Protein backbone atom coordinates (compact mmCIF):
# COMPACT_ATOMS: atom_id res chain seq x y z
CA MET A 1 117.96 130.40 129.70
CA GLN A 2 114.55 131.58 130.92
CA LEU A 3 111.38 129.51 131.26
CA LEU A 4 107.77 130.74 131.48
CA ILE A 5 104.98 128.56 132.93
CA VAL A 6 101.40 129.58 132.07
CA ASP A 7 98.31 128.13 133.73
CA ASP A 8 95.10 129.75 134.99
CA GLU A 9 95.09 127.22 137.82
CA ALA A 10 97.52 128.87 140.21
CA HIS A 11 98.53 125.68 142.00
CA TRP A 12 99.76 124.17 138.73
CA ALA A 13 101.83 127.22 137.81
CA ASP A 14 103.21 127.57 141.34
CA ASN A 15 104.06 123.90 141.66
CA LEU A 16 105.80 123.62 138.30
CA SER A 17 107.78 126.83 138.77
CA MET A 18 109.00 126.16 142.30
CA ASN A 19 109.27 122.41 142.75
CA LYS A 20 111.22 121.16 139.75
CA PRO A 21 115.04 121.03 139.35
CA TRP A 22 115.10 123.40 136.38
CA HIS A 23 118.64 124.55 137.19
CA LYS A 24 119.95 121.12 136.23
CA LEU A 25 118.83 121.83 132.64
CA GLY A 26 120.53 125.21 132.55
CA ILE A 27 117.36 127.21 133.29
CA GLU A 28 118.52 130.32 135.15
CA GLN A 29 115.16 132.01 135.72
CA VAL A 30 111.57 130.71 135.90
CA HIS A 31 108.57 133.02 135.43
CA LYS A 32 104.92 132.17 135.91
CA ALA A 33 101.70 133.66 134.57
CA TYR A 34 98.08 132.90 135.42
CA SER A 35 96.70 133.94 132.02
CA ALA A 36 97.81 134.09 128.41
CA ARG A 37 97.58 137.88 128.49
CA GLU A 38 99.87 138.06 131.49
CA ALA A 39 102.22 135.63 129.72
CA LEU A 40 102.46 137.90 126.67
CA GLU A 41 103.28 140.85 128.90
CA LEU A 42 106.07 138.86 130.56
CA ILE A 43 107.37 137.85 127.12
CA GLU A 44 107.59 141.54 126.20
CA LEU A 45 109.58 142.23 129.37
CA HIS A 46 111.95 139.25 129.54
CA PRO A 47 114.01 137.25 127.03
CA ILE A 48 111.93 134.08 127.44
CA ASP A 49 113.33 130.99 125.71
CA ILE A 50 110.81 128.25 126.58
CA VAL A 51 107.07 128.39 127.38
CA ILE A 52 105.05 125.64 129.08
CA SER A 53 101.36 126.46 128.74
CA ASP A 54 98.04 124.94 129.67
CA ILE A 55 95.77 124.58 126.64
CA LEU A 56 92.36 125.56 128.08
CA MET A 57 92.41 128.99 129.69
CA PRO A 58 89.88 131.84 129.81
CA GLU A 59 90.21 134.74 127.38
CA MET A 60 92.89 133.02 125.26
CA THR A 61 93.74 129.34 124.82
CA GLY A 62 97.21 127.89 124.86
CA ILE A 63 97.01 127.39 121.08
CA GLU A 64 96.13 131.07 120.61
CA LEU A 65 98.98 131.96 122.95
CA ILE A 66 101.45 130.02 120.79
CA GLU A 67 100.08 131.76 117.69
CA ALA A 68 100.64 135.16 119.35
CA ILE A 69 104.14 134.09 120.42
CA ARG A 70 105.01 133.09 116.85
CA GLU A 71 104.19 136.62 115.70
CA ARG A 72 106.81 137.91 118.11
CA ASP A 73 109.49 135.23 118.17
CA LYS A 74 109.95 132.33 115.75
CA ARG A 75 112.60 130.60 117.87
CA MET A 76 110.83 130.37 121.24
CA LYS A 77 110.09 126.75 122.17
CA CYS A 78 106.53 125.99 123.30
CA ILE A 79 105.29 122.96 125.23
CA ILE A 80 101.56 122.32 125.70
CA LEU A 81 100.03 120.78 128.82
CA SER A 82 96.48 119.51 128.55
CA GLY A 83 93.99 117.49 130.52
CA HIS A 84 92.49 116.34 127.20
CA SER A 85 93.90 113.73 124.85
CA ASP A 86 91.81 115.14 121.98
CA PHE A 87 93.56 114.59 118.64
CA GLU A 88 92.36 117.95 117.29
CA TYR A 89 94.11 119.80 120.12
CA ALA A 90 97.34 117.92 119.46
CA LYS A 91 97.07 118.57 115.73
CA GLU A 92 96.59 122.31 116.28
CA ALA A 93 99.53 122.39 118.67
CA ILE A 94 101.76 120.71 116.09
CA ARG A 95 100.54 123.08 113.37
CA HIS A 96 101.71 126.00 115.49
CA GLN A 97 105.09 124.33 116.02
CA ALA A 98 104.62 123.23 119.61
CA LEU A 99 107.59 121.12 120.59
CA GLN A 100 105.67 118.66 122.81
CA TYR A 101 102.04 117.91 123.77
CA LEU A 102 101.93 116.46 127.29
CA LEU A 103 98.90 115.22 129.19
CA LYS A 104 98.26 116.40 132.73
CA PRO A 105 99.64 115.47 135.10
CA PRO A 106 102.98 114.81 133.38
CA THR A 107 105.60 112.79 135.19
CA ASP A 108 108.80 114.57 136.14
CA GLU A 109 110.64 112.46 133.58
CA GLU A 110 108.27 113.51 130.77
CA LEU A 111 108.35 117.19 131.73
CA LEU A 112 112.12 117.44 132.23
CA ALA A 113 112.74 115.48 129.03
CA ALA A 114 110.54 117.89 127.05
CA VAL A 115 112.26 120.96 128.47
CA GLY A 116 115.65 119.29 128.04
CA LEU A 117 114.88 118.73 124.37
CA ALA A 118 113.91 122.40 124.03
CA VAL A 119 117.18 123.47 125.68
CA ASP A 120 119.21 121.22 123.39
CA GLN A 121 117.47 122.55 120.28
CA LEU A 122 117.98 126.15 121.34
CA LYS A 123 121.65 125.54 122.07
CA ALA A 124 122.13 123.91 118.68
CA GLU A 125 120.34 126.72 116.85
CA TRP A 126 122.27 129.50 118.59
CA ALA A 127 125.53 127.58 118.23
CA SER A 128 124.90 127.53 114.50
CA ILE A 129 124.08 131.24 114.44
CA SER A 130 127.16 132.16 116.47
CA SER A 131 129.44 129.54 114.95
CA PHE A 132 132.92 130.45 113.81
CA GLU A 133 132.09 129.49 110.24
CA ARG A 134 128.97 131.65 110.14
CA THR A 135 130.77 134.54 111.80
CA GLN A 136 133.53 134.25 109.24
CA PHE A 137 130.96 134.20 106.43
CA THR A 138 129.23 137.33 107.80
CA LEU A 139 132.61 138.99 108.19
CA ARG A 140 133.49 138.22 104.59
CA GLU A 141 130.15 139.59 103.41
CA ASN A 142 130.82 142.88 105.21
CA LEU A 143 134.56 143.13 104.62
CA PRO A 144 134.47 146.15 102.25
CA LEU A 145 132.50 148.19 104.79
CA LEU A 146 134.67 147.11 107.74
CA ARG A 147 137.90 147.73 105.88
CA GLY A 148 136.72 151.17 104.79
CA ARG A 149 135.71 152.09 108.33
CA LEU A 150 139.11 151.04 109.69
CA LEU A 151 140.98 153.11 107.09
CA LEU A 152 138.77 156.14 107.76
CA ASP A 153 139.47 155.89 111.47
CA ALA A 154 143.20 155.68 110.74
CA LEU A 155 143.05 158.74 108.47
CA HIS A 156 141.29 160.66 111.23
CA GLY A 157 144.00 159.81 113.72
CA GLU A 158 142.48 157.05 115.84
CA ARG A 159 145.31 155.66 117.91
CA LEU A 160 145.70 151.89 118.05
CA SER A 161 148.55 149.91 119.53
CA GLU A 162 150.77 148.00 117.13
CA GLU A 163 149.30 144.73 118.41
CA GLU A 164 145.73 146.00 117.81
CA TRP A 165 146.68 147.06 114.29
CA GLU A 166 148.14 143.64 113.56
CA ARG A 167 145.03 141.93 114.91
CA LYS A 168 142.61 144.03 112.87
CA LEU A 169 144.65 143.73 109.69
CA ASP A 170 144.63 139.94 110.12
CA THR A 171 140.92 139.82 110.98
CA TYR A 172 140.00 141.82 107.88
CA SER A 173 142.42 139.82 105.68
CA LEU A 174 144.33 142.97 104.74
CA PRO A 175 147.83 142.27 103.38
CA PHE A 176 149.28 145.36 105.10
CA ARG A 177 151.87 145.50 107.85
CA SER A 178 153.72 148.19 109.76
CA GLY A 179 156.26 149.70 107.45
CA GLU A 180 156.52 151.81 104.34
CA GLY A 181 153.36 153.30 102.86
CA GLN A 182 152.24 155.87 100.32
CA LEU A 183 148.94 157.74 100.05
CA LEU A 184 146.99 158.95 97.03
CA LEU A 185 144.05 161.31 97.28
CA VAL A 186 141.88 161.32 94.17
CA ARG A 187 139.22 163.89 93.33
CA MET A 188 136.55 162.92 90.81
CA GLU A 189 135.92 166.01 88.74
CA GLU A 190 132.74 167.69 87.54
CA GLU A 191 131.95 165.23 84.74
CA PHE A 192 130.91 162.81 87.46
CA GLY A 193 128.43 165.34 88.87
CA GLN A 194 125.69 163.94 86.65
CA TYR A 195 125.72 160.79 88.79
CA ARG A 196 125.41 162.63 92.11
CA HIS A 197 121.82 161.54 92.69
CA ASN A 198 121.88 158.36 90.64
CA GLY A 199 124.81 155.99 90.59
CA GLN A 200 127.57 158.09 92.15
CA HIS A 201 128.66 155.23 94.42
CA LEU A 202 128.89 152.93 91.39
CA MET A 203 131.24 155.38 89.66
CA GLU A 204 133.37 155.61 92.80
CA TYR A 205 133.48 151.83 93.01
CA ALA A 206 134.50 151.64 89.35
CA VAL A 207 137.38 154.10 89.91
CA MET A 208 138.55 152.05 92.90
CA ASN A 209 138.46 148.86 90.83
CA ILE A 210 140.45 150.45 88.00
CA ALA A 211 143.02 151.75 90.51
CA GLU A 212 143.45 148.33 92.11
CA GLU A 213 143.93 146.74 88.70
CA ILE A 214 146.55 149.32 87.70
CA PHE A 215 148.53 149.13 90.95
CA VAL A 216 148.16 145.36 91.46
CA ASP A 217 151.70 144.46 90.29
CA TYR A 218 153.37 147.25 92.23
CA ALA A 219 151.58 147.54 95.57
CA GLN A 220 148.83 146.35 97.87
CA VAL A 221 145.90 148.78 97.62
CA TRP A 222 143.44 149.78 100.33
CA SER A 223 140.80 152.36 99.37
CA VAL A 224 137.92 154.32 100.87
CA LYS A 225 135.89 157.45 100.20
CA GLU A 226 136.64 160.01 102.90
CA GLU A 227 134.49 162.79 104.34
CA HIS A 228 135.56 165.53 101.89
CA GLY A 229 134.61 163.44 98.89
CA TYR A 230 138.13 162.34 97.95
CA LEU A 231 138.95 158.73 97.22
CA ALA A 232 141.88 157.75 99.43
CA PHE A 233 144.24 154.98 98.30
CA LEU A 234 146.79 153.60 100.72
CA LEU A 235 149.62 151.83 98.89
CA GLN A 236 152.17 149.46 100.34
CA PRO A 237 154.82 148.29 97.85
CA LYS A 238 155.03 144.55 97.35
CA ALA A 239 158.24 142.79 98.34
CA ASP A 240 159.02 141.89 94.74
CA ALA A 241 158.19 145.35 93.33
CA SER A 242 161.09 147.00 91.52
CA ILE A 243 163.01 149.29 93.90
CA PRO A 244 164.58 151.86 91.52
CA GLY A 245 162.42 154.86 90.70
CA LYS A 246 159.65 153.99 93.14
CA ASP A 247 158.17 157.46 93.21
CA LYS A 248 158.31 157.84 89.44
CA GLN A 249 156.59 154.47 89.15
CA VAL A 250 153.68 155.57 91.34
CA GLU A 251 153.40 158.85 89.44
CA LYS A 252 153.35 156.94 86.14
CA LEU A 253 150.63 154.62 87.41
CA ALA A 254 148.59 157.61 88.69
CA VAL A 255 148.68 159.11 85.19
CA GLN A 256 147.60 155.75 83.80
CA LEU A 257 144.68 155.77 86.25
CA GLN A 258 143.63 159.17 84.94
CA THR A 259 143.83 157.92 81.35
CA LYS A 260 141.81 154.74 81.90
CA VAL A 261 139.09 156.54 83.86
CA LYS A 262 138.86 159.15 81.10
CA GLN A 263 138.70 156.43 78.46
CA PHE A 264 136.16 154.10 80.06
CA LEU A 265 134.18 156.26 82.52
CA LYS A 266 134.28 159.53 80.54
CA GLY A 267 135.39 161.55 83.53
CA SER A 268 138.57 163.21 84.77
CA LEU A 269 140.54 162.87 87.98
CA SER A 270 142.96 165.01 89.94
CA VAL A 271 145.52 163.20 92.08
CA VAL A 272 147.75 164.20 94.98
CA MET A 273 150.36 161.61 95.92
CA THR A 274 152.56 161.73 98.99
CA GLU A 275 156.12 160.67 99.58
CA ARG A 276 156.77 157.43 101.41
CA PHE A 277 155.97 157.46 105.13
CA ARG A 278 155.80 155.13 108.10
CA PHE A 279 152.52 153.24 108.26
CA PRO A 280 150.46 153.42 110.43
CA SER A 281 152.06 155.98 112.77
CA GLN A 282 152.41 158.81 110.21
CA LEU A 283 149.26 158.12 108.17
CA ALA A 284 147.00 160.73 109.82
CA ASP A 285 149.60 163.53 109.47
CA VAL A 286 150.29 162.63 105.85
CA TYR A 287 146.56 162.53 105.09
CA ARG A 288 146.05 166.02 106.55
CA GLN A 289 148.97 167.32 104.52
CA ALA A 290 147.62 165.77 101.31
CA ALA A 291 144.12 167.18 101.89
CA ALA A 292 145.61 170.62 102.61
CA SER A 293 147.67 170.40 99.40
CA PHE A 294 144.50 169.84 97.39
CA ARG A 295 143.09 173.06 98.79
CA ARG A 296 146.29 175.12 98.59
CA PHE A 297 147.93 173.98 95.35
CA VAL A 298 145.36 172.27 93.17
CA GLY A 299 142.29 174.27 94.15
CA GLU A 300 139.77 174.28 91.31
CA GLU A 301 142.30 173.25 88.66
CA ARG A 302 141.49 169.93 87.02
CA GLU A 303 143.33 166.80 85.86
CA PHE A 304 146.45 167.36 87.97
CA VAL A 305 148.81 164.71 89.22
CA MET A 306 150.81 166.38 91.96
CA ARG A 307 153.52 164.75 94.03
CA LEU A 308 154.23 166.40 97.36
CA GLY A 309 157.81 167.63 97.62
CA GLU A 310 160.33 165.06 98.76
CA ARG A 311 161.93 167.42 101.22
CA GLU A 312 158.68 168.73 102.68
CA PRO A 313 158.72 167.58 106.30
CA TYR A 314 155.86 165.52 107.67
CA ARG A 315 154.73 167.46 110.65
CA SER A 316 151.48 168.58 112.10
CA PRO A 317 150.59 171.82 110.28
CA GLY A 318 149.94 173.67 113.52
CA THR A 319 146.45 172.35 114.12
CA LEU A 320 144.85 171.07 117.28
CA ASP A 321 144.70 167.29 117.25
CA ALA A 322 142.67 166.43 120.35
CA ILE A 323 139.58 168.44 119.41
CA HIS A 324 139.40 166.88 115.93
CA SER A 325 140.33 163.27 116.70
CA PRO A 326 137.45 160.76 116.86
CA PRO A 327 135.10 160.43 118.55
CA GLY A 328 133.99 164.05 118.13
CA LEU A 329 132.61 166.11 120.99
CA ILE A 330 129.22 166.33 119.25
CA GLN A 331 129.01 162.55 118.92
CA LEU A 332 129.86 162.06 122.60
CA LEU A 333 127.21 164.56 123.69
CA GLU A 334 124.51 163.05 121.46
CA ALA A 335 125.32 159.60 122.83
CA GLY A 336 124.93 160.91 126.39
CA ARG A 337 128.55 160.02 127.19
CA PHE A 338 129.21 163.05 129.38
CA GLU A 339 132.15 161.53 131.25
CA SER A 340 133.89 160.79 127.94
CA ALA A 341 133.07 164.32 126.77
CA GLU A 342 134.73 165.69 129.92
CA ASP A 343 137.80 163.51 129.27
CA LYS A 344 137.96 164.83 125.71
CA LEU A 345 137.78 168.44 126.91
CA ASN A 346 140.58 167.80 129.40
CA SER A 347 142.73 166.34 126.62
CA VAL A 348 142.07 169.45 124.51
CA PHE A 349 143.14 171.75 127.33
CA ALA A 350 146.20 169.62 128.04
CA GLU A 351 147.25 169.94 124.38
CA LEU A 352 146.62 173.70 124.41
CA GLU A 353 148.75 174.15 127.51
CA ALA A 354 151.53 171.89 126.23
CA ASN A 355 151.78 173.15 122.63
CA TRP A 356 149.88 176.41 122.24
CA SER A 357 150.05 178.18 125.58
CA ASP A 358 150.99 181.46 123.89
CA SER A 359 148.55 181.19 120.96
CA TRP A 360 145.26 182.99 121.44
CA GLU A 361 144.14 181.77 117.99
CA HIS A 362 144.36 178.13 119.03
CA CYS A 363 142.46 178.87 122.23
CA MET A 364 139.82 180.66 120.16
CA GLU A 365 139.66 177.76 117.67
CA ALA A 366 139.06 175.27 120.47
CA GLY A 367 136.55 177.60 122.10
CA PHE A 368 134.48 178.07 118.96
CA LEU A 369 134.42 174.32 118.28
CA ILE A 370 133.39 173.55 121.87
CA ALA A 371 130.71 176.26 121.88
CA SER A 372 129.45 175.06 118.50
CA ALA A 373 129.17 171.48 119.77
CA PHE A 374 127.31 172.67 122.87
CA ALA A 375 124.90 174.78 120.80
CA HIS A 376 124.30 171.94 118.35
CA PHE A 377 123.54 169.53 121.19
CA ALA A 378 121.17 171.99 122.88
CA HIS A 379 119.29 172.66 119.64
CA ARG A 380 119.01 168.94 118.85
CA SER A 381 117.50 168.58 122.32
CA GLY A 382 114.91 171.25 121.53
CA ARG A 383 116.44 173.85 123.84
CA ALA A 384 118.31 177.14 123.45
CA LEU A 385 121.90 177.08 124.72
CA GLY A 386 121.30 180.31 126.63
CA GLU A 387 118.35 178.69 128.39
CA LEU A 388 120.57 175.86 129.65
CA LEU A 389 123.61 177.99 130.54
CA GLY A 390 121.86 180.96 132.13
CA GLY A 391 124.33 183.67 133.14
CA ASP A 392 127.31 181.72 131.80
CA MET A 393 126.07 182.50 128.29
CA GLU A 394 127.29 186.09 128.73
CA LEU A 395 130.92 184.90 128.96
CA LEU A 396 130.48 183.24 125.58
CA GLN A 397 128.73 186.21 123.97
CA SER A 398 131.38 188.67 125.17
CA GLY A 399 134.26 186.40 124.14
CA GLU A 400 135.64 186.42 127.67
CA ALA A 401 135.39 182.63 127.77
CA PHE A 402 138.13 182.49 125.10
CA ALA A 403 140.47 184.96 126.74
CA THR A 404 142.79 182.36 128.27
CA ILE A 405 143.11 178.60 128.35
CA ALA A 406 142.26 178.60 132.05
CA LYS A 407 139.07 180.61 131.46
CA LEU A 408 138.08 178.39 128.56
CA ARG A 409 138.63 175.29 130.67
CA SER A 410 136.56 176.68 133.54
CA TRP A 411 133.72 177.81 131.26
CA SER A 412 133.64 174.64 129.19
CA LEU A 413 133.51 172.24 132.13
CA LEU A 414 130.90 174.35 133.91
CA ALA A 415 128.80 174.52 130.74
CA LEU A 416 129.15 170.78 130.22
CA GLY A 417 127.84 170.19 133.73
CA LYS A 418 124.81 172.39 133.04
CA LEU A 419 124.13 170.58 129.76
CA LYS A 420 124.22 167.26 131.59
CA ALA A 421 121.92 168.51 134.36
CA GLY A 422 119.51 169.96 131.80
CA THR A 423 119.46 166.71 129.90
CA GLU A 424 118.70 164.73 133.04
CA THR A 425 115.88 167.16 133.90
CA ASP A 426 114.47 166.84 130.38
CA MET A 427 114.74 163.05 130.60
CA ASN A 428 112.87 163.00 133.90
CA ASP A 429 110.20 165.32 132.47
CA VAL A 430 109.79 163.09 129.42
CA ARG A 431 109.54 159.98 131.59
CA SER A 432 106.96 161.69 133.77
CA GLN A 433 104.90 162.59 130.70
CA TYR A 434 104.99 159.00 129.44
CA VAL A 435 103.84 157.70 132.83
CA LYS A 436 101.03 160.25 132.94
CA LYS A 437 99.84 159.31 129.44
CA ILE A 438 99.94 155.61 130.25
CA GLN A 439 98.00 156.00 133.48
CA GLU A 440 95.39 158.29 131.91
CA TYR A 441 94.87 155.87 129.02
CA ALA A 442 94.63 152.84 131.31
CA GLU A 443 92.12 154.52 133.61
CA LYS A 444 89.86 155.46 130.67
CA ASN A 445 90.17 152.16 128.81
CA LEU A 446 90.40 149.57 131.55
CA HIS A 447 87.39 147.75 130.08
CA GLU A 448 89.27 147.31 126.78
CA ASP A 449 92.73 146.08 125.79
CA VAL A 450 95.35 147.67 128.04
CA SER A 451 98.11 145.18 127.32
CA LEU A 452 101.72 146.31 127.34
CA ARG A 453 101.80 146.31 123.53
CA THR A 454 98.66 148.49 123.31
CA LEU A 455 100.06 150.94 125.85
CA ALA A 456 103.42 151.05 124.03
CA ASP A 457 101.65 151.73 120.73
CA HIS A 458 99.68 154.52 122.39
CA VAL A 459 102.87 156.41 123.28
CA ASN A 460 104.90 155.22 120.24
CA LEU A 461 107.57 153.38 122.21
CA HIS A 462 108.93 149.86 122.08
CA THR A 463 107.45 147.67 124.78
CA THR A 464 110.80 146.98 126.46
CA HIS A 465 111.75 150.66 126.49
CA LEU A 466 108.36 151.66 127.91
CA SER A 467 108.62 149.03 130.65
CA LYS A 468 112.02 150.31 131.72
CA ILE A 469 110.89 153.95 131.70
CA TYR A 470 107.79 153.17 133.74
CA LYS A 471 109.73 151.09 136.28
CA LEU A 472 112.44 153.76 136.63
CA GLU A 473 109.88 156.51 137.17
CA THR A 474 107.40 154.73 139.47
CA GLY A 475 109.29 151.76 140.91
CA GLU A 476 106.41 149.54 139.78
CA GLY A 477 105.99 147.34 136.69
CA ILE A 478 103.23 148.24 134.22
CA SER A 479 101.51 144.85 134.60
CA ASP A 480 101.56 145.29 138.39
CA TYR A 481 100.02 148.76 138.00
CA ILE A 482 97.25 147.47 135.70
CA ALA A 483 96.48 144.58 138.06
CA ARG A 484 96.37 146.95 141.06
CA LEU A 485 94.19 149.43 139.16
CA ARG A 486 91.72 146.68 138.27
CA MET A 487 91.50 145.40 141.83
CA ASP A 488 91.17 148.91 143.28
CA ARG A 489 88.35 149.73 140.88
CA ALA A 490 86.68 146.39 141.51
CA SER A 491 86.77 146.84 145.29
CA PHE A 492 85.37 150.38 144.96
CA MET A 493 82.53 149.26 142.71
CA LEU A 494 81.69 146.33 144.99
CA ARG A 495 81.39 148.67 147.97
CA HIS A 496 79.72 151.67 146.31
CA THR A 497 77.54 150.30 143.50
CA ASP A 498 74.97 147.57 143.13
CA LYS A 499 76.36 146.30 139.83
CA LYS A 500 76.50 142.58 139.32
CA VAL A 501 79.84 140.78 139.64
CA TYR A 502 79.85 139.92 135.92
CA GLU A 503 79.21 143.61 135.06
CA ILE A 504 82.13 144.72 137.23
CA SER A 505 84.28 142.00 135.67
CA ALA A 506 83.56 143.34 132.17
CA GLU A 507 84.13 146.98 133.17
CA ILE A 508 87.63 146.28 134.47
CA GLY A 509 88.67 144.17 131.49
CA TYR A 510 87.96 140.57 132.50
CA LEU A 511 85.80 138.91 129.86
CA ASP A 512 85.47 135.74 131.93
CA PRO A 513 83.76 136.43 135.31
CA ALA A 514 85.05 133.12 136.70
CA TYR A 515 88.60 134.20 136.02
CA PHE A 516 87.92 137.60 137.63
CA ILE A 517 86.60 135.87 140.74
CA LYS A 518 89.71 133.70 140.91
CA VAL A 519 92.07 136.68 140.58
CA PHE A 520 90.06 138.73 143.09
CA LYS A 521 90.11 135.95 145.66
CA LYS A 522 93.84 135.52 145.20
CA GLN A 523 94.27 139.25 145.95
CA PHE A 524 91.81 139.73 148.83
CA GLY A 525 91.35 136.21 150.20
CA VAL A 526 87.58 136.27 149.60
CA THR A 527 85.30 136.20 146.56
CA PRO A 528 83.85 139.49 145.23
CA GLN A 529 80.43 138.65 146.67
CA GLU A 530 81.92 137.86 150.09
CA TYR A 531 83.90 141.10 149.93
CA ARG A 532 80.71 143.05 149.18
CA GLU A 533 78.84 141.39 152.03
CA GLN A 534 81.65 142.08 154.49
CA GLY A 535 81.59 145.70 153.46
CA LEU A 536 77.88 145.97 154.01
CA THR A 537 78.04 144.48 157.48
CA THR A 538 80.92 146.61 158.77
């Protein structure tokens, strides 16, 4: 856990942060701030759990600080330190959910007990949030989505070990096991088109419910809508299901599904059903065959129930597997996972060399898909592919890149490297622009609010993201930059103008001159007036 100590009196903040055995309470990191504004900036940067704050501070009181904290984080524990036993202060602290109100100077026992209580409460709250029972409840609430995602991944050929399959099936409470399976692809016909923009998912859900009710005595049913718009139903016969005429039974139930949907939902279905296969190892191949059968045999005909031929072998229909298997090349590029994209390309070339070394068509298919992914990524990044590839674009335009597997491999990996380099250049340019905007805004508005949140709003970024970008680009934290900018401007104005100290304080963003003097002395070792006098005498 992380603790933040806030006090405008530096000796209090320093003493409490450095001289107490916080580690014994499980506190891993202690931060300190000398103002409420600085505290809020630290809260934006770090996952603070507990705040100990003085109550009377310039610019913003401890009560106001707690109020600002509550707008950001409802769970953060706040402890107030005060040199005043005023009941009104204590009442306000309680109203803003302060955990404890301690009088200065607190004893070590009082202070450690208060922080210990905060730690215990936080542990209890997060234990409840992450508890097995709550996790199980959340899992149950999201089971349909999780089950559908798992079946989609299986249809698309995601490879899982048998142990991983067993674990996921158990986790999602799916009554399926390795063994015999059967697949139905169902197409909802044009009568359902009227629901496309209003209630389509409800109609799909209704069809799934009817199917589960019809097949409930014969098989376990697992359903999902796949990417082409078909409803996919994976069936696994129950142990007590009648063995004779299995395939006829499924066909009969598929016809019954058509009838009930027609009767109650006023729409028609077309169904392709496969022969039995080995689940899960053959599922992806069988799915591809069933989808191809819809295109080849059913086409635009309606209200079919077609059973794939019993003697039709289950084999890959001559397509490339590696280029199509998830995750896709486009997804890897958009996620910035260039090493994974390179691994995927190498698996594509390995498959080409192993299975299709004499097929120019397969080389061309892979080449077009790779080039398309590269172009899509470049355009999403606001660039032209030719701009990123330079002279290597000519190999693509002439088709020479597709001439052989070796040439395609060489071109693809070289192009991938240029895409990565271009992305890194763009990223650095973007970071540089953000830093420039931040610095320009801060320099013009130093007399106003230049908090981290204000700066983040100015460039439309989240505070944490902006902090990381700024630190990566400059090596300096934003709060450190603002503090340095204020002190640099103050020292310049003290040496080169005759403005009063309180006027300089206001111009660099300190509303309380006394606080400005304290910060200035901490930085330079002398007060602003002493600094000015030293400058005049040198």
